Amino acid sequence: MTARSHRRGSSFWRVLVTGMMLASSSFLLAQNSNLAGAPAASSTDPVEAESWLKGISTDGYVSLSYTYNTNDPIPRINQFRVFDFNDTDPQLDAAQLVVQHPVRESGQVGFRLNMIAGSAMPRVVASHGMHIASTFDIPEVYLSYVIPLRKGVRLDLGKFATNFGYEVIGGYDGYNDNFSRGFIFGYGLPFTHTGLKLSYPFIRRISGAFLIANACDSFTRMNGGITFGGQVAIATSKLTTLTFNFLHGPERPHNNHDKRSLYEMVGTWKVSPPLSLAFDGLYADEDHAASNGSDAIWKGLAGYSKYNFTKAFSAAFRGEVFADIGGSRTGTTQTLRGFTLTPEYDLPAKLSRLRHEFKRADGKVALRGEFRRDFSDRNTFRRGTGFTNHQFTTAANLIYLF
């Protein structure tokens, strides 16, 4: 089973994409002339526009995988998995294309358009009101602007990936150390938000963010309420970080009264050049969301480690526990545990050696294997046509990014 149900679509995303492009260009040309006392647009404006256009980048990411479940479940579905739910079925997890103009300094305007196609990720992360197709999704489409106020307040408007979690959806600008996603990622947290996010670097080692959005994973309004959240990130030293996330708001269709609250702390520690550690702790509750009508609670803790034996070869380990009290997340009250080992071998993809015109496609290839054991205190994993309290899967994964 997958962690999210399929959503129905809306054409509003086309308006946002078009407006994003038009607003970006027009704002760039107008921003200098709108300053108090500034002269009218000069002949240098086209040069500035051309410079801005040159700042637009395109990047890509492709992930292919194959998973085998020793339980031989019927149907061939890996229980409580997010993207790797198909058993013994080679799949294109995702083919991603990102077109963006990043913003880094005060007064800059930019955008990000993130598109993914494939048999796994699109159908899982598709938002309510933006289900384009089961094999295609736009997880991010937003405008960015850095307000020239003190150190610069970054504003993101549109649909963007959540700030929650140590694990990410994955793409060219960052993928997880483990191939499969954990229970916290799949069942405890949102994938995306649609709304407004403000980010600000308070001091050198402390930054914060605040967002106002629709319900989680909802491109259109599901109710009359508003979800709000925030983040505080602290670099406690050059080698350690702590990040605090929270979220609160009504999350069910046509229900403004029952609220969901999420609280999370993520920490990272670069122990030595080859060894890194991390943890992700989550506590969440939702009013009257349990299967018996009482308040639902879900909580989890995951630990991560990665060791680089050489520049090309590494191995990552994840151990986690996730408790679903009330069955609102996995369909039944249970405690899940998982242990995952992922070896990885990286090598450069020098397509320019074939033809100089392919230089833009030069990137990296990652070859990964995975061995994962899951347990539950209930018999919720399929074994043949019956059920048991565990499952063991192996996987092979190929990643190409540029």
Protein backbone atom coordinates (compact mmCIF):
# COMPACT_ATOMS: atom_id res chain seq x y z
CA MET A 1 0.00 0.00 0.00
CA THR A 2 1.15 3.56 -0.59
CA ALA A 3 1.34 6.31 1.97
CA ARG A 4 -0.90 8.72 0.14
CA SER A 5 -4.07 8.28 -1.89
CA HIS A 6 -4.38 9.59 -5.46
CA ARG A 7 -5.75 13.10 -5.83
CA ARG A 8 -7.99 14.67 -8.45
CA GLY A 9 -6.69 17.48 -10.62
CA SER A 10 -7.03 21.18 -11.23
CA SER A 11 -5.82 23.37 -14.07
CA PHE A 12 -4.89 26.27 -11.79
CA TRP A 13 -1.22 25.21 -11.84
CA ARG A 14 -0.95 26.40 -15.46
CA VAL A 15 -1.92 29.90 -14.37
CA LEU A 16 0.70 29.91 -11.64
CA VAL A 17 3.46 28.69 -13.95
CA THR A 18 2.64 31.32 -16.59
CA GLY A 19 2.33 34.06 -13.99
CA MET A 20 5.62 33.02 -12.45
CA MET A 21 7.48 33.58 -15.71
CA LEU A 22 5.76 36.86 -16.57
CA ALA A 23 6.03 38.29 -13.08
CA SER A 24 9.72 37.40 -12.83
CA SER A 25 10.67 39.29 -16.00
CA SER A 26 8.42 42.29 -15.46
CA PHE A 27 9.48 42.67 -11.85
CA LEU A 28 13.13 42.59 -12.80
CA LEU A 29 12.68 45.43 -15.29
CA ALA A 30 10.56 47.51 -12.92
CA GLN A 31 12.34 47.14 -9.61
CA ASN A 32 14.99 49.85 -10.11
CA SER A 33 12.60 52.45 -11.56
CA ASN A 34 10.15 51.99 -8.69
CA LEU A 35 12.64 53.14 -6.06
CA ALA A 36 12.00 56.60 -4.65
CA GLY A 37 13.99 59.19 -6.61
CA ALA A 38 15.27 56.64 -9.12
CA PRO A 39 15.49 57.69 -12.77
CA ALA A 40 13.27 56.21 -15.44
CA ALA A 41 14.22 52.92 -17.05
CA SER A 42 17.52 53.32 -18.85
CA SER A 43 19.14 51.65 -21.80
CA THR A 44 20.89 49.28 -19.41
CA ASP A 45 17.62 47.54 -18.49
CA PRO A 46 17.79 45.09 -21.42
CA VAL A 47 21.33 44.21 -20.32
CA GLU A 48 20.08 43.51 -16.81
CA ALA A 49 17.26 41.39 -18.20
CA GLU A 50 19.70 39.44 -20.35
CA SER A 51 21.94 38.91 -17.32
CA TRP A 52 18.96 37.65 -15.31
CA LEU A 53 17.97 35.23 -18.06
CA LYS A 54 21.51 33.84 -18.11
CA GLY A 55 21.03 32.99 -14.43
CA ILE A 56 18.32 30.45 -15.29
CA SER A 57 19.59 26.88 -14.91
CA THR A 58 18.26 23.47 -15.86
CA ASP A 59 19.18 20.31 -13.98
CA GLY A 60 18.04 16.71 -14.13
CA TYR A 61 17.82 13.52 -12.10
CA VAL A 62 16.82 9.95 -12.97
CA SER A 63 16.31 7.04 -10.55
CA LEU A 64 15.68 3.42 -11.60
CA SER A 65 15.14 0.56 -9.16
CA TYR A 66 14.18 -3.07 -8.57
CA THR A 67 12.94 -4.46 -5.24
CA TYR A 68 12.40 -8.04 -4.07
CA ASN A 69 10.36 -9.00 -0.99
CA THR A 70 11.19 -12.43 0.50
CA ASN A 71 7.62 -12.68 1.87
CA ASP A 72 6.36 -13.05 -1.74
CA PRO A 73 3.26 -10.97 -0.89
CA ILE A 74 0.07 -11.35 -2.92
CA PRO A 75 -0.60 -8.83 -4.36
CA ARG A 76 3.06 -7.92 -5.00
CA ILE A 77 3.10 -4.83 -2.79
CA ASN A 78 5.67 -3.98 -0.10
CA GLN A 79 3.70 -2.97 2.99
CA PHE A 80 4.19 0.51 4.48
CA ARG A 81 6.67 1.66 1.86
CA VAL A 82 6.46 5.02 0.13
CA PHE A 83 8.14 5.01 -3.29
CA ASP A 84 9.49 1.43 -3.37
CA PHE A 85 6.08 -0.19 -2.97
CA ASN A 86 6.23 -2.37 -6.14
CA ASP A 87 7.70 -5.84 -5.54
CA THR A 88 9.61 -7.68 -8.31
CA ASP A 89 8.72 -4.94 -10.78
CA PRO A 90 11.53 -2.84 -12.31
CA GLN A 91 10.45 0.77 -12.21
CA LEU A 92 11.38 4.31 -13.09
CA ASP A 93 11.09 5.93 -9.68
CA ALA A 94 11.44 9.42 -11.07
CA ALA A 95 12.79 11.44 -13.96
CA GLN A 96 13.16 15.02 -12.75
CA LEU A 97 13.74 18.30 -14.56
CA VAL A 98 14.26 21.50 -12.58
CA VAL A 99 14.20 24.92 -14.24
CA GLN A 100 15.04 27.72 -11.84
CA HIS A 101 16.63 31.07 -11.15
CA PRO A 102 18.01 30.89 -7.59
CA VAL A 103 17.99 33.96 -5.36
CA ARG A 104 20.80 34.71 -2.92
CA GLU A 105 21.03 38.49 -2.44
CA SER A 106 18.70 41.33 -1.45
CA GLY A 107 16.53 42.62 -4.28
CA GLN A 108 16.82 39.45 -6.35
CA VAL A 109 13.78 37.78 -7.87
CA GLY A 110 13.69 34.19 -9.04
CA PHE A 111 11.63 31.07 -9.42
CA ARG A 112 11.73 27.27 -9.27
CA LEU A 113 9.78 24.82 -11.42
CA ASN A 114 10.32 21.19 -10.41
CA MET A 115 8.71 18.51 -12.62
CA ILE A 116 8.88 14.75 -12.09
CA ALA A 117 7.64 11.79 -14.12
CA GLY A 118 7.77 8.09 -13.30
CA SER A 119 5.91 5.13 -11.85
CA ALA A 120 6.52 5.84 -8.16
CA MET A 121 7.10 9.38 -6.87
CA PRO A 122 4.48 11.32 -8.89
CA ARG A 123 1.49 9.26 -7.74
CA VAL A 124 2.59 9.46 -4.10
CA VAL A 125 3.49 13.14 -3.71
CA ALA A 126 0.67 14.55 -5.88
CA SER A 127 -1.27 17.20 -3.96
CA HIS A 128 -5.01 17.49 -3.46
CA GLY A 129 -6.35 19.60 -6.32
CA MET A 130 -3.24 19.11 -8.48
CA HIS A 131 -3.32 15.49 -9.59
CA ILE A 132 -2.20 15.98 -13.21
CA ALA A 133 -1.54 12.33 -14.04
CA SER A 134 -0.50 9.21 -12.15
CA THR A 135 2.91 9.35 -13.83
CA PHE A 136 3.58 13.12 -13.73
CA ASP A 137 3.58 15.74 -10.99
CA ILE A 138 4.85 19.23 -10.18
CA PRO A 139 5.96 19.07 -6.53
CA GLU A 140 7.36 22.63 -6.63
CA VAL A 141 6.37 25.76 -8.53
CA TYR A 142 7.00 29.07 -6.80
CA LEU A 143 8.28 32.62 -7.09
CA SER A 144 11.09 33.86 -4.84
CA TYR A 145 12.15 37.36 -3.85
CA VAL A 146 14.65 38.62 -1.28
CA ILE A 147 13.18 41.71 0.39
CA PRO A 148 15.99 44.25 0.94
CA LEU A 149 15.36 44.54 4.68
CA ARG A 150 18.43 44.27 6.94
CA LYS A 151 20.02 40.92 6.05
CA GLY A 152 17.33 40.15 3.50
CA VAL A 153 13.98 38.44 4.06
CA ARG A 154 13.40 35.68 1.53
CA LEU A 155 9.83 35.27 0.31
CA ASP A 156 8.61 32.11 -1.47
CA LEU A 157 5.10 32.14 -2.94
CA GLY A 158 3.53 29.06 -4.50
CA LYS A 159 4.01 25.34 -3.93
CA PHE A 160 7.23 24.21 -2.28
CA ALA A 161 8.71 21.14 -0.60
CA THR A 162 8.18 20.85 3.14
CA ASN A 163 10.84 21.99 5.59
CA PHE A 164 10.10 18.94 7.76
CA GLY A 165 12.21 15.83 7.93
CA TYR A 166 15.79 14.67 7.62
CA GLU A 167 14.84 12.66 4.54
CA VAL A 168 13.74 14.38 1.33
CA ILE A 169 11.71 13.51 -1.77
CA GLY A 170 15.03 13.50 -3.63
CA GLY A 171 16.44 15.01 -6.78
CA TYR A 172 19.51 16.45 -8.46
CA ASP A 173 20.21 18.85 -5.56
CA GLY A 174 20.00 16.23 -2.84
CA TYR A 175 19.02 12.61 -2.36
CA ASN A 176 18.94 10.41 0.73
CA ASP A 177 21.76 8.17 1.89
CA ASN A 178 19.32 5.22 1.93
CA PHE A 179 17.42 4.14 -1.17
CA SER A 180 14.07 3.50 0.54
CA ARG A 181 12.30 6.14 2.63
CA GLY A 182 11.61 5.64 6.32
CA PHE A 183 8.29 5.43 8.14
CA ILE A 184 8.61 8.97 9.51
CA PHE A 185 9.03 10.39 6.01
CA GLY A 186 6.17 8.37 4.51
CA TYR A 187 3.59 8.38 7.29
CA GLY A 188 4.51 11.09 9.76
CA LEU A 189 5.16 14.23 7.70
CA PRO A 190 3.78 16.27 4.79
CA PHE A 191 5.47 16.32 1.39
CA THR A 192 4.62 19.82 0.14
CA HIS A 193 2.90 23.07 1.11
CA THR A 194 1.10 25.65 -1.02
CA GLY A 195 1.17 29.17 0.37
CA LEU A 196 3.68 31.76 1.56
CA LYS A 197 7.00 31.16 3.32
CA LEU A 198 9.30 33.76 4.83
CA SER A 199 12.92 32.94 5.71
CA TYR A 200 15.47 35.09 7.54
CA PRO A 201 19.10 34.61 8.78
CA PHE A 202 18.99 36.18 12.24
CA ILE A 203 22.70 35.78 12.96
CA ARG A 204 25.51 33.78 11.40
CA ARG A 205 24.50 30.49 13.02
CA ILE A 206 20.75 30.92 13.53
CA SER A 207 18.08 31.19 10.85
CA GLY A 208 14.31 30.90 10.90
CA ALA A 209 11.30 30.46 8.65
CA PHE A 210 7.54 30.94 8.92
CA LEU A 211 4.83 29.68 6.58
CA ILE A 212 1.11 30.17 6.03
CA ALA A 213 -0.42 27.56 3.75
CA ASN A 214 -3.33 25.38 2.78
CA ALA A 215 -3.66 22.02 4.45
CA CYS A 216 -0.60 19.78 4.00
CA ASP A 217 -0.20 18.28 0.53
CA SER A 218 -3.10 20.37 -0.75
CA PHE A 219 -2.77 22.69 -3.74
CA THR A 220 -6.37 23.93 -3.37
CA ARG A 221 -8.33 24.69 -0.22
CA MET A 222 -9.75 21.67 1.60
CA ASN A 223 -11.45 23.66 4.34
CA GLY A 224 -11.89 27.22 5.57
CA GLY A 225 -8.89 27.10 7.88
CA ILE A 226 -5.22 27.97 7.55
CA THR A 227 -2.19 25.88 8.45
CA PHE A 228 0.82 27.72 9.84
CA GLY A 229 4.26 26.53 10.79
CA GLY A 230 7.83 27.48 11.31
CA GLN A 231 11.43 26.44 11.63
CA VAL A 232 14.46 27.44 13.67
CA ALA A 233 17.84 26.12 12.48
CA ILE A 234 20.92 26.42 14.71
CA ALA A 235 24.48 25.60 13.74
CA THR A 236 25.62 24.70 17.24
CA SER A 237 29.19 24.33 15.95
CA LYS A 238 31.02 23.97 12.66
CA LEU A 239 30.23 20.24 12.74
CA THR A 240 26.77 20.04 14.36
CA THR A 241 23.30 21.45 13.62
CA LEU A 242 19.90 21.34 15.31
CA THR A 243 16.66 22.13 13.50
CA PHE A 244 13.25 22.59 15.16
CA ASN A 245 10.06 22.39 13.06
CA PHE A 246 6.42 22.86 14.01
CA LEU A 247 3.08 22.91 12.20
CA HIS A 248 -0.52 23.49 13.31
CA GLY A 249 -3.84 23.69 11.52
CA PRO A 250 -6.96 21.86 10.26
CA GLU A 251 -5.98 19.09 7.84
CA ARG A 252 -9.21 17.25 6.96
CA PRO A 253 -11.69 18.13 4.18
CA HIS A 254 -14.59 20.40 5.21
CA ASN A 255 -13.43 20.40 8.83
CA ASN A 256 -12.15 23.65 10.35
CA HIS A 257 -12.34 22.55 13.97
CA ASP A 258 -10.13 19.49 14.39
CA LYS A 259 -6.48 20.51 14.30
CA ARG A 260 -3.24 18.67 13.61
CA SER A 261 0.02 19.57 15.37
CA LEU A 262 3.51 18.40 14.39
CA TYR A 263 6.70 18.92 16.40
CA GLU A 264 10.07 17.74 15.15
CA MET A 265 13.75 18.04 15.98
CA VAL A 266 16.49 17.04 13.50
CA GLY A 267 20.18 16.94 14.36
CA THR A 268 23.34 16.31 12.32
CA TRP A 269 26.94 15.71 13.40
CA LYS A 270 29.99 15.45 11.15
CA VAL A 271 32.03 13.24 13.45
CA SER A 272 35.04 13.01 11.13
CA PRO A 273 35.69 13.51 7.40
CA PRO A 274 34.46 9.98 6.53
CA LEU A 275 31.72 9.60 9.21
CA SER A 276 28.46 11.55 9.63
CA LEU A 277 25.55 10.95 12.03
CA ALA A 278 22.01 12.31 12.23
CA PHE A 279 18.69 11.80 14.02
CA ASP A 280 15.05 12.73 13.43
CA GLY A 281 12.54 12.87 16.29
CA LEU A 282 8.82 13.49 15.71
CA TYR A 283 5.69 13.91 17.86
CA ALA A 284 2.28 14.64 16.31
CA ASP A 285 -1.38 14.58 17.27
CA GLU A 286 -4.70 15.29 15.56
CA ASP A 287 -8.13 15.90 17.10
CA HIS A 288 -10.64 13.06 16.68
CA ALA A 289 -8.60 11.40 13.91
CA ALA A 290 -8.22 7.92 15.42
CA SER A 291 -10.25 5.07 13.99
CA ASN A 292 -12.49 5.07 17.11
CA GLY A 293 -13.03 8.84 16.99
CA SER A 294 -10.56 9.75 19.74
CA ASP A 295 -7.47 11.91 19.28
CA ALA A 296 -4.74 10.29 17.18
CA ILE A 297 -1.06 10.37 18.11
CA TRP A 298 1.91 9.34 16.03
CA LYS A 299 5.56 9.63 16.96
CA GLY A 300 8.88 8.35 15.74
CA LEU A 301 12.63 8.38 16.17
CA ALA A 302 15.22 7.57 13.50
CA GLY A 303 18.99 7.43 13.61
CA TYR A 304 21.26 7.69 10.56
CA SER A 305 24.93 7.06 9.88
CA LYS A 306 27.10 7.14 6.76
CA TYR A 307 30.72 6.16 6.36
CA ASN A 308 32.84 6.93 3.27
CA PHE A 309 35.40 4.15 2.92
CA THR A 310 36.83 5.81 -0.20
CA LYS A 311 35.89 8.82 -2.31
CA ALA A 312 33.68 6.54 -4.44
CA PHE A 313 32.40 3.89 -1.98
CA SER A 314 30.24 4.45 1.09
CA ALA A 315 27.69 2.67 3.26
CA ALA A 316 24.69 4.14 5.10
CA PHE A 317 22.63 2.68 7.96
CA ARG A 318 19.23 3.71 9.31
CA GLY A 319 17.38 2.43 12.34
CA GLU A 320 13.95 3.74 13.27
CA VAL A 321 10.78 3.20 15.28
CA PHE A 322 7.37 4.66 14.43
CA ALA A 323 4.26 4.39 16.63
CA ASP A 324 0.81 4.95 15.11
CA ILE A 325 -1.54 5.30 18.10
CA GLY A 326 -5.08 5.29 16.79
CA GLY A 327 -4.30 3.96 13.31
CA SER A 328 -4.78 7.29 11.53
CA ARG A 329 -1.53 6.99 9.55
CA THR A 330 -1.07 3.31 8.64
CA GLY A 331 -4.65 2.08 9.03
CA THR A 332 -4.15 0.23 12.31
CA THR A 333 -2.70 0.90 15.75
CA GLN A 334 0.83 -0.50 15.64
CA THR A 335 4.51 0.17 16.27
CA LEU A 336 6.81 -0.27 13.29
CA ARG A 337 10.57 -0.79 13.41
CA GLY A 338 12.99 -0.81 10.51
CA PHE A 339 16.70 -1.39 9.91
CA THR A 340 18.26 -0.46 6.57
CA LEU A 341 21.76 -0.89 5.10
CA THR A 342 22.61 0.88 1.82
CA PRO A 343 26.03 0.52 0.14
CA GLU A 344 26.75 3.02 -2.65
CA TYR A 345 29.36 3.36 -5.38
CA ASP A 346 29.70 6.66 -7.28
CA LEU A 347 31.37 7.38 -10.58
CA PRO A 348 31.44 10.40 -12.90
CA ALA A 349 29.27 10.55 -16.01
CA LYS A 350 31.47 12.26 -18.61
CA LEU A 351 29.19 12.30 -21.64
CA SER A 352 31.29 15.11 -23.11
CA ARG A 353 33.92 12.48 -23.93
CA LEU A 354 31.53 11.23 -26.60
CA ARG A 355 30.65 14.63 -28.03
CA HIS A 356 31.48 18.13 -26.85
CA GLU A 357 27.81 19.09 -27.22
CA PHE A 358 26.97 16.70 -24.36
CA LYS A 359 29.02 18.67 -21.82
CA ARG A 360 25.89 20.08 -20.17
CA ALA A 361 24.83 16.49 -19.40
CA ASP A 362 28.06 15.67 -17.54
CA GLY A 363 27.19 14.60 -14.05
CA LYS A 364 27.30 11.65 -11.68
CA VAL A 365 26.09 8.05 -11.56
CA ALA A 366 25.37 6.31 -8.26
CA LEU A 367 24.96 2.53 -8.00
CA ARG A 368 23.26 1.39 -4.81
CA GLY A 369 22.09 -1.79 -3.17
CA GLU A 370 19.85 -2.09 -0.13
CA PHE A 371 18.98 -4.61 2.56
CA ARG A 372 16.03 -3.75 4.80
CA ARG A 373 14.20 -5.56 7.61
CA ASP A 374 10.87 -4.26 8.93
CA PHE A 375 8.94 -5.40 12.02
CA SER A 376 5.56 -4.63 13.57
CA ASP A 377 3.94 -5.58 16.88
CA ARG A 378 0.92 -6.64 14.80
CA ASN A 379 0.63 -9.05 11.87
CA THR A 380 0.32 -6.35 9.21
CA PHE A 381 2.88 -7.50 6.60
CA ARG A 382 1.62 -9.73 3.81
CA ARG A 383 3.23 -13.15 3.45
CA GLY A 384 1.82 -14.94 0.45
CA THR A 385 -1.93 -14.64 0.93
CA GLY A 386 -1.64 -14.37 4.72
CA PHE A 387 -0.04 -11.97 7.19
CA THR A 388 3.01 -11.92 9.45
CA ASN A 389 4.82 -9.38 11.65
CA HIS A 390 7.91 -8.80 9.46
CA GLN A 391 9.22 -8.35 5.93
CA PHE A 392 12.69 -8.41 4.37
CA THR A 393 13.48 -6.66 1.09
CA THR A 394 16.52 -6.26 -1.11
CA ALA A 395 16.83 -3.58 -3.77
CA ALA A 396 19.08 -2.29 -6.53
CA ASN A 397 19.06 1.39 -7.48
CA LEU A 398 20.69 3.37 -10.29
CA ILE A 399 20.84 7.17 -10.10
CA TYR A 400 22.01 9.62 -12.76
CA LEU A 401 22.08 13.36 -12.12
CA PHE A 402 23.45 16.40 -13.86
